[in-house]
Protein backbone atom coordinates (compact mmCIF):
# COMPACT_ATOMS: atom_id res chain seq x y z
CA MET A 1 3.07 15.38 13.86
CA GLU A 2 4.93 12.88 15.97
CA VAL A 3 6.44 10.18 13.75
CA ALA A 4 7.85 6.92 15.12
CA LEU A 5 10.34 4.78 13.26
CA VAL A 6 10.79 1.25 14.59
CA GLY A 7 13.95 -0.39 13.30
CA ALA A 8 15.73 2.91 12.98
CA THR A 9 19.26 1.54 12.72
CA GLY A 10 18.67 -0.68 9.64
CA ALA A 11 19.14 0.25 5.98
CA VAL A 12 15.41 0.82 5.37
CA GLY A 13 15.03 2.82 8.58
CA VAL A 14 17.81 5.20 7.55
CA GLU A 15 16.17 5.70 4.16
CA VAL A 16 12.76 6.41 5.72
CA CYS A 17 14.33 9.32 7.67
CA ASN A 18 15.90 10.68 4.51
CA VAL A 19 12.68 10.43 2.49
CA LEU A 20 10.59 12.09 5.21
CA LYS A 21 12.92 15.07 5.02
CA ALA A 22 13.26 15.10 1.24
CA ARG A 23 9.48 15.12 0.78
CA SER A 24 8.85 17.67 3.56
CA PHE A 25 6.60 15.32 5.46
CA PRO A 26 5.12 17.28 8.41
CA VAL A 27 7.34 15.83 11.14
CA GLY A 28 6.98 17.76 14.37
CA ARG A 29 8.94 15.24 16.39
CA LEU A 30 10.84 12.20 15.16
CA ARG A 31 11.19 9.27 17.56
CA LEU A 32 13.52 6.39 16.77
CA PHE A 33 13.04 2.93 18.25
CA ALA A 34 15.29 -0.09 18.16
CA SER A 35 16.43 -2.95 20.37
CA GLU A 36 17.64 -2.53 23.94
CA ARG A 37 21.16 -2.87 22.63
CA SER A 38 20.83 0.31 20.55
CA ALA A 39 18.84 2.31 23.12
CA GLY A 40 20.54 5.52 24.17
CA LYS A 41 22.65 5.88 21.05
CA ALA A 42 22.35 9.20 19.24
CA LEU A 43 21.75 8.85 15.51
CA SER A 44 22.41 11.63 13.06
CA THR A 45 19.29 12.24 10.96
CA PRO A 46 18.15 14.97 8.57
CA PHE A 47 16.11 16.26 11.52
CA GLY A 48 19.18 16.51 13.75
CA ASP A 49 20.63 14.07 16.24
CA VAL A 50 17.95 11.85 17.77
CA SER A 51 18.45 9.48 20.71
CA VAL A 52 17.30 5.92 20.05
CA GLU A 53 14.66 4.60 22.46
CA ALA A 54 14.04 1.02 23.46
CA PHE A 55 10.88 -0.22 21.77
CA SER A 56 7.64 -0.43 23.67
CA VAL A 57 4.09 -0.57 22.33
CA GLU A 58 2.98 2.18 24.72
CA ALA A 59 5.68 4.61 23.59
CA VAL A 60 5.10 4.06 19.87
CA ARG A 61 1.33 4.48 20.30
CA GLU A 62 1.92 8.09 21.32
CA SER A 63 2.78 8.92 17.69
CA THR A 64 0.59 9.85 14.73
CA TYR A 65 2.42 7.61 12.25
CA ALA A 66 4.56 4.57 12.93
CA PHE A 67 6.86 3.11 10.28
CA LEU A 68 7.93 -0.48 10.92
CA ALA A 69 11.27 -1.44 9.37
CA VAL A 70 11.51 -4.72 11.26
CA SER A 71 11.19 -8.48 10.73
CA GLY A 72 7.92 -10.15 9.89
CA ALA A 73 7.95 -11.96 13.23
CA PHE A 74 8.29 -8.66 15.11
CA ALA A 75 5.49 -7.11 13.06
CA LEU A 76 3.19 -10.07 13.66
CA GLU A 77 3.77 -9.72 17.39
CA HIS A 78 3.24 -5.97 17.73
CA ALA A 79 1.61 -4.34 14.67
CA ALA A 80 -2.01 -5.02 15.62
CA ALA A 81 -1.53 -3.59 19.11
CA LEU A 82 0.23 -0.52 17.71
CA ALA A 83 -2.57 0.14 15.22
CA ALA A 84 -5.46 -0.39 17.65
CA PRO A 85 -7.86 2.56 17.97
CA GLY A 86 -6.21 5.54 19.58
CA GLY A 87 -2.81 4.65 18.21
CA PRO A 88 -0.92 5.65 15.05
CA ILE A 89 -1.42 4.70 11.45
CA VAL A 90 1.08 1.84 11.09
CA ILE A 91 2.93 1.22 7.82
CA ASP A 92 4.68 -2.15 7.86
CA ASN A 93 7.60 -2.89 5.54
CA SER A 94 7.74 -6.60 6.35
CA SER A 95 5.93 -9.44 4.59
CA ALA A 96 3.80 -10.24 7.67
CA PHE A 97 0.47 -8.79 6.53
CA ARG A 98 0.83 -8.45 2.77
CA MET A 99 -1.52 -11.29 1.93
CA ASP A 100 -3.87 -10.71 4.87
CA PRO A 101 -7.20 -9.90 3.19
CA SER A 102 -8.06 -7.43 5.96
CA VAL A 103 -4.87 -5.39 5.44
CA PRO A 104 -4.44 -3.22 2.33
CA LEU A 105 -1.27 -3.81 0.30
CA VAL A 106 -0.51 -0.52 -1.37
CA VAL A 107 1.57 1.10 -4.08
CA PRO A 108 0.04 4.60 -3.84
CA GLU A 109 0.28 5.42 -7.55
CA VAL A 110 -1.69 2.24 -8.22
CA ASN A 111 -4.19 1.65 -5.42
CA ALA A 112 -4.08 4.39 -2.78
CA HIS A 113 -7.88 4.06 -2.63
CA ALA A 114 -7.41 0.65 -0.97
CA ILE A 115 -6.19 2.31 2.21
CA GLY A 116 -9.64 3.61 3.13
CA SER A 117 -9.84 3.93 6.90
CA ALA A 118 -7.26 1.25 7.62
CA ARG A 119 -4.93 1.79 10.58
CA LEU A 120 -2.46 -0.87 9.40
CA VAL A 121 -1.13 -0.77 5.82
CA ALA A 122 1.36 -3.21 4.27
CA ASN A 123 4.24 -2.16 2.03
CA PRO A 124 4.83 -4.61 -0.85
CA ASN A 125 7.91 -6.64 -1.64
CA CYS A 126 10.53 -4.43 -3.27
CA THR A 127 10.60 -6.41 -6.53
CA THR A 128 6.81 -6.25 -6.77
CA ALA A 129 6.70 -2.51 -6.12
CA ILE A 130 9.30 -1.73 -8.80
CA ALA A 131 7.54 -3.87 -11.41
CA ALA A 132 4.12 -2.45 -10.51
CA MET A 133 5.18 1.08 -11.36
CA ALA A 134 5.87 0.10 -14.96
CA LEU A 135 3.17 -2.52 -15.37
CA TYR A 136 0.08 -0.87 -13.93
CA PRO A 137 -0.28 1.91 -16.56
CA LEU A 138 0.06 -0.78 -19.26
CA HIS A 139 -2.49 -2.96 -17.46
CA VAL A 140 -5.05 -0.13 -17.36
CA ALA A 141 -4.59 0.75 -21.02
CA PHE A 142 -4.08 -2.65 -22.63
CA GLY A 143 -5.12 -5.32 -20.08
CA LEU A 144 -2.31 -7.60 -18.94
CA THR A 145 -3.02 -11.32 -19.31
CA LYS A 146 0.48 -12.76 -18.72
CA VAL A 147 3.55 -11.34 -16.97
CA ILE A 148 6.94 -13.12 -16.93
CA VAL A 149 9.59 -11.51 -14.72
CA SER A 150 13.29 -12.25 -14.32
CA SER A 151 14.67 -10.15 -11.48
CA TYR A 152 18.30 -9.28 -10.88
CA GLN A 153 18.45 -8.24 -7.25
CA ALA A 154 21.17 -6.29 -5.45
CA ALA A 155 22.88 -7.39 -2.24
CA SER A 156 21.07 -4.66 -0.31
CA GLY A 157 17.87 -6.66 -0.75
CA ALA A 158 19.29 -8.73 2.12
CA GLY A 159 19.87 -5.61 4.21
CA ALA A 160 23.03 -4.01 5.52
CA GLU A 161 24.47 -7.47 6.25
CA GLY A 162 24.12 -8.44 2.60
CA MET A 163 25.90 -5.33 1.41
CA GLU A 164 28.74 -5.88 3.87
CA GLU A 165 29.12 -9.53 2.83
CA LEU A 166 29.45 -8.44 -0.81
CA ARG A 167 32.00 -5.72 0.02
CA SER A 168 34.15 -7.94 2.21
CA GLY A 169 33.80 -10.88 -0.18
CA LEU A 170 34.96 -8.77 -3.11
CA ALA A 171 38.02 -7.66 -1.15
CA LEU A 172 38.86 -11.27 -0.30
CA SER A 173 38.31 -12.46 -3.87
CA LEU A 174 40.56 -9.74 -5.28
CA ARG A 175 43.30 -10.93 -2.91
CA GLY A 176 42.86 -14.48 -4.20
CA GLU A 177 41.11 -15.66 -1.03
CA GLU A 178 37.84 -17.60 -0.87
CA PRO A 179 34.97 -15.74 0.84
CA THR A 180 32.75 -17.70 3.21
CA PRO A 181 29.06 -16.82 2.70
CA LYS A 182 26.80 -16.35 5.69
CA VAL A 183 23.97 -14.19 4.37
CA PHE A 184 23.74 -15.76 0.91
CA ALA A 185 23.60 -19.43 -0.09
CA HIS A 186 26.85 -19.07 -2.03
CA ALA A 187 29.64 -16.54 -2.39
CA LEU A 188 28.22 -13.57 -4.31
CA PRO A 189 31.37 -11.83 -5.69
CA PHE A 190 31.77 -12.51 -9.43
CA ASN A 191 28.73 -14.79 -9.23
CA VAL A 192 24.94 -14.79 -9.65
CA ILE A 193 22.70 -16.91 -7.44
CA PRO A 194 19.26 -17.99 -8.76
CA HIS A 195 17.98 -18.42 -5.24
CA ILE A 196 16.37 -15.76 -3.02
CA ASP A 197 14.45 -16.92 0.07
CA ALA A 198 13.33 -20.51 0.66
CA PHE A 199 12.12 -22.87 -2.05
CA THR A 200 8.46 -23.91 -1.99
CA GLU A 201 6.75 -27.12 -3.08
CA ASN A 202 6.05 -25.81 -6.59
CA GLY A 203 9.76 -25.18 -7.27
CA TYR A 204 9.50 -21.41 -6.96
CA THR A 205 11.04 -19.51 -4.05
CA LYS A 206 9.04 -17.48 -1.57
CA GLU A 207 10.49 -14.32 -3.12
CA GLU A 208 9.20 -15.36 -6.54
CA MET A 209 5.76 -16.23 -5.23
CA LYS A 210 5.58 -12.84 -3.50
CA VAL A 211 5.81 -11.20 -6.90
CA THR A 212 2.97 -13.37 -8.21
CA ASN A 213 0.62 -13.06 -5.28
CA GLU A 214 1.28 -9.43 -4.39
CA THR A 215 0.91 -8.20 -7.96
CA ARG A 216 -2.48 -9.88 -8.17
CA LYS A 217 -3.59 -8.26 -4.91
CA ILE A 218 -2.34 -4.76 -5.73
CA PHE A 219 -3.88 -4.84 -9.21
CA ALA A 220 -7.10 -6.43 -7.93
CA ALA A 221 -6.55 -9.06 -10.64
CA PRO A 222 -6.68 -12.47 -8.91
CA ASP A 223 -6.48 -14.40 -12.18
CA LEU A 224 -3.52 -12.54 -13.68
CA ALA A 225 -0.85 -15.05 -14.76
CA VAL A 226 2.47 -13.96 -13.21
CA SER A 227 5.71 -15.94 -13.11
CA CYS A 228 9.04 -14.82 -11.65
CA THR A 229 12.64 -16.03 -11.44
CA ALA A 230 14.59 -14.12 -8.77
CA VAL A 231 18.38 -13.91 -9.04
CA ARG A 232 20.85 -12.30 -6.62
CA ILE A 233 23.63 -10.40 -8.41
CA PRO A 234 26.81 -8.74 -7.11
CA THR A 235 25.64 -5.12 -7.15
CA LEU A 236 25.14 -3.09 -3.99
CA ARG A 237 21.87 -1.34 -4.67
CA ALA A 238 18.89 -1.12 -7.05
CA HIS A 239 17.04 -4.10 -8.49
CA SER A 240 16.63 -4.78 -12.19
CA GLU A 241 13.86 -6.75 -13.91
CA ALA A 242 13.46 -8.10 -17.42
CA ILE A 243 9.71 -8.34 -18.01
CA THR A 244 7.70 -9.92 -20.80
CA ILE A 245 3.99 -9.12 -21.02
CA GLN A 246 1.04 -10.38 -23.00
CA THR A 247 -1.95 -8.06 -23.32
CA ALA A 248 -5.63 -8.45 -24.08
CA ARG A 249 -5.55 -5.58 -26.57
CA PRO A 250 -2.92 -4.81 -29.22
CA ILE A 251 0.04 -2.83 -27.92
CA THR A 252 3.01 -1.15 -29.59
CA ALA A 253 6.41 -0.15 -28.20
CA ASP A 254 5.81 3.48 -29.20
CA GLY A 255 2.40 3.50 -27.55
CA ALA A 256 3.84 2.05 -24.37
CA ARG A 257 6.66 4.63 -24.28
CA GLU A 258 4.21 7.50 -24.73
CA LEU A 259 1.98 6.15 -21.96
CA LEU A 260 4.84 5.54 -19.52
CA ARG A 261 6.33 9.01 -20.07
CA SER A 262 3.25 10.47 -18.40
CA ALA A 263 3.05 7.84 -15.63
CA PRO A 264 3.88 9.13 -12.13
CA GLY A 265 7.02 7.69 -10.60
CA VAL A 266 8.32 6.40 -13.94
CA ARG A 267 11.18 7.69 -16.08
CA VAL A 268 11.53 6.33 -19.61
CA VAL A 269 15.22 5.73 -20.46
CA ASP A 270 15.08 4.12 -23.87
CA GLU A 271 17.56 5.39 -26.45
CA PRO A 272 19.63 2.34 -27.41
CA ALA A 273 21.49 4.27 -30.10
CA ARG A 274 22.96 6.41 -27.30
CA ASN A 275 23.47 3.43 -24.98
CA ALA A 276 20.74 4.84 -22.75
CA TYR A 277 18.72 2.24 -20.89
CA PRO A 278 17.86 1.42 -17.24
CA MET A 279 20.81 0.42 -15.07
CA PRO A 280 21.38 0.02 -11.31
CA LEU A 281 24.06 2.73 -11.39
CA THR A 282 21.64 5.32 -12.72
CA ALA A 283 18.62 4.15 -10.72
CA THR A 284 20.44 4.18 -7.36
CA GLY A 285 19.25 7.02 -5.15
CA GLU A 286 16.44 7.96 -7.52
CA HIS A 287 12.77 8.10 -6.58
CA ASP A 288 11.54 7.17 -10.06
CA VAL A 289 11.67 3.74 -11.64
CA GLU A 290 13.59 3.61 -14.91
CA VAL A 291 11.95 1.79 -17.83
CA GLY A 292 13.56 1.04 -21.20
CA ARG A 293 14.50 -1.58 -23.80
CA ILE A 294 10.82 -1.48 -24.76
CA ARG A 295 10.25 -3.61 -27.83
CA GLN A 296 7.62 -5.73 -29.54
CA SER A 297 7.59 -9.30 -28.26
CA LEU A 298 8.80 -11.90 -30.73
CA VAL A 299 6.63 -14.44 -28.88
CA PHE A 300 3.32 -12.58 -28.42
CA GLY A 301 3.56 -10.27 -31.45
CA GLU A 302 1.19 -7.30 -31.44
CA TYR A 303 -0.21 -8.53 -28.13
CA GLY A 304 3.06 -8.36 -26.21
CA LEU A 305 6.15 -6.41 -25.24
CA ASP A 306 9.53 -6.98 -23.65
CA LEU A 307 10.93 -4.28 -21.34
CA PHE A 308 13.65 -3.70 -18.75
CA VAL A 309 13.09 -1.94 -15.44
CA CYS A 310 15.44 -0.70 -12.71
CA GLY A 311 14.53 0.83 -9.36
CA ASP A 312 16.18 1.59 -6.05
CA GLN A 313 14.59 -1.07 -3.86
CA LEU A 314 15.49 0.69 -0.61
CA LEU A 315 13.50 3.71 -1.87
CA ARG A 316 10.79 2.69 -4.32
CA GLY A 317 10.58 -0.78 -2.89
CA ALA A 318 10.56 0.25 0.76
CA ALA A 319 11.15 3.69 2.30
CA LEU A 320 9.72 5.93 -0.43
CA ASN A 321 6.66 3.75 -0.93
CA ALA A 322 6.04 3.74 2.84
CA VAL A 323 6.21 7.53 3.05
CA LEU A 324 3.94 7.88 0.04
CA ILE A 325 1.42 5.67 1.84
CA ALA A 326 1.58 8.01 4.81
CA GLU A 327 1.14 11.03 2.54
CA ALA A 328 -1.98 9.46 1.04
CA THR A 329 -3.56 9.43 4.51
CA LEU A 330 -2.70 13.00 5.47
CA PRO A 331 -5.73 15.27 6.07
CA LYS A 332 -6.58 17.06 2.86
């Protein structure tokens, strides 16, 4: 198959190439698209060196699948034309179409059935996707009624620029110099920033409301009570989330562990006596989401749990999820 990747030079684009190879996706020809400025450059990929092409709708429509690792504004401008009949199946990593009722928002292990015959499919927010992997099996078995999330998000959530600002800022700080933030609202080295994306009228940020609204859509649970506080932390990669749940039916920590051990895309890491629990260092580069620190809630008693989740947001929250969506549409 001919596979197009739009936004090939960004952090997510690079990971999409790696995942396509790692999962043996049937790529006959890989075409990379980026801005005019990058056109003509040869990029090293797992499929060999590939020359970057300047984006055009006509060229991308020659492919079977098109992965968009671009801004929401770019996706809004071009995605519908790319996915028109006769074109590729388009998988969009931006936020542009996530809450569009006509576009499925998919975590394949949860709601692959929602894809149906759609030609345009939205990838969820990375924080939402990581949480969904741990929460959905519990929702099916015990019925979630309330979900409270505190996310601790790596610099890479702001792309390659965010990672570079952290690296350079750390070097400056260690020399006793004051870094000047451009990507983040404040200097990130040796700091945490409870502010990701713009604030909304209700006091939550757009990032936090994405977790609420997208979880409801993916789970087909429009009345599910979900609250999130999103915090940027000075790690390079992999997001962490402390999650408290209330359930409709009684739940135990042991029952949740047993259930999650058999859940696809989840790895239970929960041996506190051995200091084994989810961490960004161990989740980085992994396809599975780590879940641990599972314990009975002191607030909700037998109807609640507290747990800790870590996942590589460039993989589970973006590239891997996008490729899994494509796999779900392959001819059987």
